[in-house]
Protein backbone atom coordinates (compact mmCIF):
# COMPACT_ATOMS: atom_id res chain seq x y z
CA UNK A 1 26.48 75.97 203.16
CA UNK A 2 24.14 76.32 200.09
CA UNK A 3 24.13 73.89 197.18
CA UNK A 4 23.66 76.77 194.62
CA UNK A 5 27.19 77.57 194.94
CA UNK A 6 29.00 79.70 192.21
CA UNK A 7 31.32 77.93 189.60
CA UNK A 8 34.31 79.34 190.86
CA UNK A 9 33.98 78.32 194.18
CA UNK A 10 34.53 74.76 193.37
CA UNK A 11 31.45 73.65 195.09
CA UNK A 12 29.07 70.86 194.06
CA UNK A 13 26.27 71.87 192.12
CA UNK A 14 22.56 70.04 191.87
CA UNK A 15 21.52 68.58 188.21
CA UNK A 16 24.90 67.20 186.62
CA UNK A 17 22.67 65.74 183.86
CA UNK A 18 22.52 68.17 180.93
CA UNK A 19 18.79 68.11 180.79
CA UNK A 20 18.73 68.86 184.81
CA UNK A 21 21.10 71.74 184.08
CA UNK A 22 19.01 72.96 181.31
CA UNK A 23 15.76 72.74 183.19
CA UNK A 24 17.31 74.68 186.24
CA UNK A 25 18.72 77.37 184.16
CA UNK A 26 15.56 77.62 182.24
CA UNK A 27 13.81 77.62 185.85
CA UNK A 28 16.70 80.42 186.69
CA UNK A 29 15.55 82.56 183.57
CA UNK A 30 11.87 82.26 184.35
CA UNK A 31 12.48 83.30 187.98
CA UNK A 32 14.52 86.42 186.86
CA UNK A 33 11.93 87.59 184.58
CA UNK A 34 9.72 87.66 187.50
CA UNK A 35 12.25 89.52 189.61
CA UNK A 36 11.79 92.97 190.29
CA UNK A 37 14.65 95.36 189.37
CA UNK A 38 15.69 95.45 193.15
CA UNK A 39 15.76 91.92 193.41
CA UNK A 40 17.99 91.42 190.39
CA UNK A 41 20.38 94.23 191.88
CA UNK A 42 20.49 92.22 195.10
CA UNK A 43 21.21 88.84 193.26
CA UNK A 44 24.31 90.60 191.44
CA UNK A 45 25.25 92.08 194.67
CA UNK A 46 25.30 88.58 196.18
CA UNK A 47 27.35 87.29 193.31
CA UNK A 48 29.95 90.00 193.68
CA UNK A 49 30.01 89.37 197.37
CA UNK A 50 30.44 85.80 196.85
CA UNK A 51 33.51 86.47 194.55
CA UNK A 52 35.11 88.48 197.00
CA UNK A 53 34.69 86.17 199.70
CA UNK A 54 35.83 83.25 198.07
CA UNK A 55 39.03 85.32 197.11
CA UNK A 56 39.38 86.16 201.07
CA UNK A 57 38.86 82.68 201.83
CA UNK A 58 41.52 81.07 199.62
CA UNK A 59 43.92 83.81 200.68
CA UNK A 60 43.80 83.21 204.16
CA UNK A 61 43.83 79.55 203.59
CA UNK A 62 47.18 79.85 201.21
CA UNK A 63 48.62 82.38 203.86
CA UNK A 64 47.97 80.08 207.01
CA UNK A 65 49.54 76.87 204.95
CA UNK A 66 52.67 79.13 203.77
CA UNK A 67 53.19 80.64 207.53
CA UNK A 68 52.80 77.00 208.95
CA UNK A 69 55.39 75.62 206.48
CA UNK A 70 57.88 78.37 206.99
CA UNK A 71 57.95 77.45 210.64
CA UNK A 72 57.69 73.61 210.32
CA UNK A 73 59.68 72.90 207.21
CA UNK A 74 61.63 76.01 206.50
CA UNK A 75 61.80 78.68 204.05
CA UNK A 76 62.56 76.41 200.98
CA UNK A 77 59.58 74.12 201.35
CA UNK A 78 57.41 77.34 202.21
CA UNK A 79 58.74 78.91 199.05
CA UNK A 80 58.11 76.11 196.87
CA UNK A 81 54.56 75.38 198.13
CA UNK A 82 53.68 79.13 198.05
CA UNK A 83 54.51 79.10 194.28
CA UNK A 84 53.16 76.19 193.32
CA UNK A 85 50.04 76.40 195.15
CA UNK A 86 49.75 80.35 194.30
CA UNK A 87 49.99 79.17 190.22
CA UNK A 88 47.08 76.93 190.66
CA UNK A 89 45.06 79.47 192.46
CA UNK A 90 45.69 81.99 189.86
CA UNK A 91 45.06 79.48 187.35
CA UNK A 92 41.68 78.53 188.89
CA UNK A 93 40.82 82.19 188.86
CA UNK A 94 41.37 82.60 185.49
CA UNK A 95 39.58 79.73 184.15
CA UNK A 96 36.58 80.54 186.45
CA UNK A 97 36.67 84.38 185.87
CA UNK A 98 38.75 85.59 182.93
CA UNK A 99 38.44 82.77 180.55
CA UNK A 100 34.51 82.92 180.05
CA UNK A 101 34.90 86.66 179.43
CA UNK A 102 37.55 86.32 176.86
CA UNK A 103 35.77 83.13 175.55
CA UNK A 104 32.63 85.40 175.09
CA UNK A 105 34.45 88.31 173.49
CA UNK A 106 36.43 85.96 170.98
CA UNK A 107 32.71 84.30 170.19
CA UNK A 108 31.21 87.92 169.62
CA UNK A 109 34.18 89.18 167.59
CA UNK A 110 34.24 85.97 165.45
CA UNK A 111 30.32 86.05 164.94
CA UNK A 112 30.56 89.86 163.82
CA UNK A 113 33.23 89.26 161.36
CA UNK A 114 31.44 86.27 159.54
CA UNK A 115 28.33 88.18 159.54
CA UNK A 116 30.14 91.24 158.36
CA UNK A 117 31.75 89.33 155.65
CA UNK A 118 28.56 87.22 154.73
CA UNK A 119 26.49 90.35 154.21
CA UNK A 120 29.48 91.88 152.25
CA UNK A 121 29.44 88.68 150.02
CA UNK A 122 25.57 88.79 149.72
CA UNK A 123 25.55 92.47 149.00
CA UNK A 124 28.13 92.20 146.51
CA UNK A 125 26.52 89.06 144.91
CA UNK A 126 22.94 90.97 144.69
CA UNK A 127 24.82 93.75 143.04
CA UNK A 128 26.20 91.42 140.63
CA UNK A 129 23.03 89.71 139.67
CA UNK A 130 20.89 93.08 139.80
CA UNK A 131 23.54 94.52 137.14
CA UNK A 132 23.59 91.56 134.99
CA UNK A 133 19.59 91.49 135.02
CA UNK A 134 19.44 95.21 134.02
CA UNK A 135 22.11 94.62 131.30
CA UNK A 136 19.85 91.76 129.99
CA UNK A 137 16.67 93.79 130.39
CA UNK A 138 18.55 96.90 128.63
CA UNK A 139 19.76 94.79 125.76
CA UNK A 140 16.00 93.25 125.69
CA UNK A 141 14.39 96.31 125.41
CA UNK A 142 16.70 97.71 122.75
CA UNK A 143 16.16 94.57 120.55
CA UNK A 144 12.40 94.70 121.12
CA UNK A 145 11.83 98.36 120.20
CA UNK A 146 14.94 99.09 117.76
CA UNK A 147 13.87 96.34 115.10
CA UNK A 148 10.44 97.48 114.54
CA UNK A 149 11.28 101.44 114.56
CA UNK A 150 14.07 100.57 112.22
CA UNK A 151 11.48 98.78 109.92
CA UNK A 152 9.12 101.36 109.99
CA UNK A 153 11.77 103.90 109.28
CA UNK A 154 13.01 102.33 106.40
CA UNK A 155 9.52 102.02 104.84
CA UNK A 156 8.98 105.49 105.44
CA UNK A 157 12.09 106.48 103.57
CA UNK A 158 10.87 104.24 100.99
CA UNK A 159 7.80 106.29 100.62
CA UNK A 160 9.59 109.62 100.67
CA UNK A 161 11.72 108.39 97.71
CA UNK A 162 8.62 107.81 95.70
CA UNK A 163 5.68 109.27 96.92
CA UNK A 164 3.32 108.68 93.84
CA UNK A 165 3.95 104.53 94.43
CA UNK A 166 1.44 102.69 94.36
CA UNK A 167 3.09 100.27 97.04
CA UNK A 168 2.92 103.20 99.54
CA UNK A 169 -0.30 102.24 100.89
CA UNK A 170 0.99 98.69 101.62
CA UNK A 171 4.17 100.32 103.24
CA UNK A 172 2.19 102.63 105.28
CA UNK A 173 0.30 99.69 106.63
CA UNK A 174 3.32 97.52 107.69
CA UNK A 175 4.98 100.55 109.00
CA UNK A 176 1.65 101.15 111.48
CA UNK A 177 1.94 97.65 112.37
CA UNK A 178 5.41 97.86 113.60
CA UNK A 179 4.77 101.05 115.52
CA UNK A 180 1.69 99.30 117.09
CA UNK A 181 4.13 96.40 118.06
CA UNK A 182 6.23 99.11 119.79
CA UNK A 183 3.46 100.70 121.50
CA UNK A 184 2.29 97.14 122.77
CA UNK A 185 5.75 96.58 123.90
CA UNK A 186 6.24 99.68 125.79
CA UNK A 187 2.69 99.03 127.29
CA UNK A 188 3.61 95.75 128.59
CA UNK A 189 6.88 96.88 129.90
CA UNK A 190 5.23 99.67 131.98
CA UNK A 191 2.69 96.89 133.24
CA UNK A 192 5.67 94.87 134.24
CA UNK A 193 7.91 97.69 135.87
CA UNK A 194 4.86 99.34 137.74
CA UNK A 195 3.77 98.02 140.92
CA UNK A 196 -0.23 97.92 140.24
CA UNK A 197 -2.23 97.99 143.18
CA UNK A 198 -4.23 95.24 143.86
CA UNK A 199 -8.00 94.89 144.25
CA UNK A 200 -8.77 92.08 146.80
CA UNK A 201 -12.21 90.44 147.14
CA UNK A 202 -13.84 87.29 147.53
CA UNK A 203 -13.93 85.41 144.31
CA UNK A 204 -14.46 82.17 142.62
CA UNK A 205 -11.59 80.98 140.66
CA UNK A 206 -13.62 78.71 138.95
CA UNK A 207 -15.83 81.51 137.74
CA UNK A 208 -12.51 83.60 136.89
CA UNK A 209 -11.20 80.80 134.63
CA UNK A 210 -14.67 80.49 132.75
CA UNK A 211 -14.65 84.18 132.05
CA UNK A 212 -10.71 83.67 130.65
CA UNK A 213 -11.66 81.13 128.35
CA UNK A 214 -15.10 82.79 126.98
CA UNK A 215 -12.67 85.46 125.55
CA UNK A 216 -10.97 82.81 123.25
CA UNK A 217 -14.50 81.57 121.86
CA UNK A 218 -14.49 82.59 118.36
CA UNK A 219 -10.86 81.42 118.10
CA UNK A 220 -11.33 78.21 119.51
CA UNK A 221 -14.31 77.82 117.10
CA UNK A 222 -12.12 78.64 113.89
CA UNK A 223 -9.19 76.45 114.85
CA UNK A 224 -11.16 73.36 115.75
CA UNK A 225 -9.35 73.12 119.22
CA UNK A 226 -11.26 72.11 122.35
CA UNK A 227 -10.88 73.07 125.92
CA UNK A 228 -11.88 70.25 128.57
CA UNK A 229 -13.06 71.62 131.79
CA UNK A 230 -12.70 69.36 135.12
CA UNK A 231 -13.28 71.57 138.14
CA UNK A 232 -14.14 69.85 141.28
CA UNK A 233 -15.04 73.02 143.32
CA UNK A 234 -15.68 76.64 142.94
CA UNK A 235 -12.27 77.60 144.28
CA UNK A 236 -13.18 80.37 146.61
CA UNK A 237 -10.48 82.52 147.74
CA UNK A 238 -9.44 86.28 148.27
CA UNK A 239 -7.89 88.11 145.24
CA UNK A 240 -7.93 90.37 142.13
CA UNK A 241 -10.21 88.70 139.75
CA UNK A 242 -9.27 91.02 137.02
CA UNK A 243 -5.61 90.48 137.31
CA UNK A 244 -6.18 86.50 137.85
CA UNK A 245 -8.13 86.96 134.59
CA UNK A 246 -5.33 88.17 132.74
CA UNK A 247 -3.01 85.53 133.89
CA UNK A 248 -5.35 82.65 132.50
CA UNK A 249 -5.57 84.44 129.18
CA UNK A 250 -2.18 84.85 128.83
CA UNK A 251 -1.39 80.86 129.55
CA UNK A 252 -4.37 79.72 127.45
CA UNK A 253 -3.54 82.04 124.52
CA UNK A 254 -0.07 80.72 124.67
CA UNK A 255 -1.34 77.25 124.50
CA UNK A 256 -3.58 78.16 121.48
CA UNK A 257 -0.64 80.00 119.54
CA UNK A 258 1.65 76.75 120.00
CA UNK A 259 -1.45 74.35 118.70
CA UNK A 260 -2.10 76.69 115.82
CA UNK A 261 1.66 77.00 114.86
CA UNK A 262 2.32 73.33 114.66
CA UNK A 263 -1.31 72.21 113.46
CA UNK A 264 -1.23 69.79 116.31
CA UNK A 265 -3.61 66.89 115.48
CA UNK A 266 -6.72 66.55 117.60
CA UNK A 267 -6.02 70.15 119.62
CA UNK A 268 -7.11 70.46 123.40
CA UNK A 269 -6.51 72.15 126.42
CA UNK A 270 -7.23 70.62 129.75
CA UNK A 271 -8.17 72.79 132.68
CA UNK A 272 -8.46 71.19 136.00
CA UNK A 273 -9.28 72.97 139.43
CA UNK A 274 -9.68 72.31 143.18
CA UNK A 275 -8.48 72.35 146.79
CA UNK A 276 -5.91 70.86 148.78
CA UNK A 277 -6.90 68.38 151.39
CA UNK A 278 -6.60 70.83 154.02
CA UNK A 279 -8.71 73.41 152.61
CA UNK A 280 -6.16 75.90 152.82
CA UNK A 281 -5.32 76.55 148.89
CA UNK A 282 -7.07 76.09 145.71
CA UNK A 283 -5.09 75.21 142.43
CA UNK A 284 -5.55 75.29 138.46
CA UNK A 285 -4.02 73.25 136.31
CA UNK A 286 -3.96 74.16 132.51
CA UNK A 287 -2.57 71.38 130.04
CA UNK A 288 -2.06 71.04 126.42
CA UNK A 289 -1.23 68.61 123.89
CA UNK A 290 0.99 70.94 122.01
CA UNK A 291 4.80 70.81 120.99
CA UNK A 292 6.24 71.39 124.15
CA UNK A 293 9.06 73.44 125.49
CA UNK A 294 12.78 72.61 125.30
CA UNK A 295 14.05 71.99 128.67
CA UNK A 296 16.79 74.50 128.27
CA UNK A 297 14.07 77.16 127.70
CA UNK A 298 12.17 76.26 130.92
CA UNK A 299 14.49 78.37 133.30
CA UNK A 300 13.93 81.47 131.06
CA UNK A 301 9.99 81.48 130.33
CA UNK A 302 9.56 83.59 133.14
CA UNK A 303 12.07 86.16 132.43
CA UNK A 304 11.46 89.65 130.81
CA UNK A 305 11.60 89.56 127.14
CA UNK A 306 12.11 85.80 126.49
CA UNK A 307 9.78 84.82 123.87
CA UNK A 308 9.84 81.82 121.61
CA UNK A 309 7.07 83.54 119.24
CA UNK A 310 8.54 85.63 116.45
CA UNK A 311 6.02 88.23 117.27
CA UNK A 312 5.90 87.47 120.76
CA UNK A 313 7.03 90.38 123.34
CA UNK A 314 8.11 88.09 126.06
CA UNK A 315 6.58 89.90 129.00
CA UNK A 316 3.32 88.01 129.25
CA UNK A 317 4.57 85.17 131.56
CA UNK A 318 6.90 87.57 133.40
CA UNK A 319 3.71 89.79 134.21
CA UNK A 320 1.82 86.45 135.13
CA UNK A 321 4.20 85.33 137.47
CA UNK A 322 4.65 88.79 139.19
CA UNK A 323 0.76 88.82 139.72
CA UNK A 324 0.96 85.16 140.83
CA UNK A 325 3.59 86.00 143.37
CA UNK A 326 1.50 89.24 144.87
CA UNK A 327 -1.17 86.76 145.46
CA UNK A 328 1.06 84.92 147.74
CA UNK A 329 0.91 81.87 145.08
CA UNK A 330 3.17 79.65 143.06
CA UNK A 331 3.53 79.04 139.24
CA UNK A 332 5.19 76.11 138.08
CA UNK A 333 5.38 74.55 134.41
CA UNK A 334 6.36 71.06 133.25
CA UNK A 335 6.87 70.37 129.60
CA UNK A 336 8.90 67.96 127.51
CA UNK A 337 9.45 68.15 123.59
CA UNK A 338 6.38 66.55 121.86
CA UNK A 339 4.63 65.85 125.08
CA UNK A 340 2.81 69.02 125.64
CA UNK A 341 3.06 71.77 128.48
CA UNK A 342 1.35 71.96 131.95
CA UNK A 343 1.16 75.00 134.09
CA UNK A 344 0.12 74.48 137.64
CA UNK A 345 -0.95 77.61 139.61
CA UNK A 346 -1.53 77.15 143.53
CA UNK A 347 -2.96 80.06 145.66
CA UNK A 348 -3.81 80.46 149.27
CA UNK A 349 -7.37 81.11 150.01
CA UNK A 350 -6.43 84.05 151.76
CA UNK A 351 -2.99 85.82 151.15
CA UNK A 352 -0.89 87.15 154.01
CA UNK A 353 -1.00 90.76 152.58
CA UNK A 354 -4.81 90.85 152.52
CA UNK A 355 -5.79 89.77 155.97
């Protein structure tokens, strides 16, 4: 008789060690993938035939023993033997044939239920977070736009009450400044909400950083702040040079604002860049010696409309993070009050979207 008996037949199998069984099952799977449809049907037919043969064998043996006991030991012994043996035969076939099917169905039912409940919980959590985000964003937009409009409206009303007043020119200038602030906020909001198309091309990250710093040449001369550059490589990568330039302009501009606002002694910004050891990523670190950021504010600096500046719109870092994410990169910040702030930006040389 073959060593490859089925489990229900009670015969021995080769490979009692789990590794042997796993290997043999893996070999069976490999063989089944190589079989033709006719061969697979033939294998299934053999299995069904083996089950039927096992049932017939057990029934014939069972009937023969019961009949023998009926003539040798009498009806009572034959009855008890038939009942006990029949019970164990039924139990054997239940465990061999029915139980695995029931177990598989119970597992599938439980997995389906868990997956459905997990998906429902996740969907509710996402909907709740989305609703909170929309609520916070709506409140921020209303606050950001309503205040300057209210101020401009008040100034225009004063101008209307006394058209000949000498202060009307000053009022008009302030009102225009407030309306310009609204226009800038709306422009930044549209840029944040809009999925701008990225124009990927080969670029030198060092050149992008230098171009961003160059826009602050006059301001650096006026403030006396020093930019100290330490770049180990050109940082060749695939990306959108103009959008990355805006990111660095925003970070360096925020650092200069913090240095100017606190009149930091010996103000300076250290910019370093390089590649990782594997040569798959480029990074830029921008560090200032300004007042730093409070720990409770670090989790919010990338949130839309969050700003610690009186005239800030709070969208600069949110847009910057969106651009970095679109390049498959990461932006991290470390800061302590009185110890300055460090931004670390890391980019893959070739974002997955551009390959």
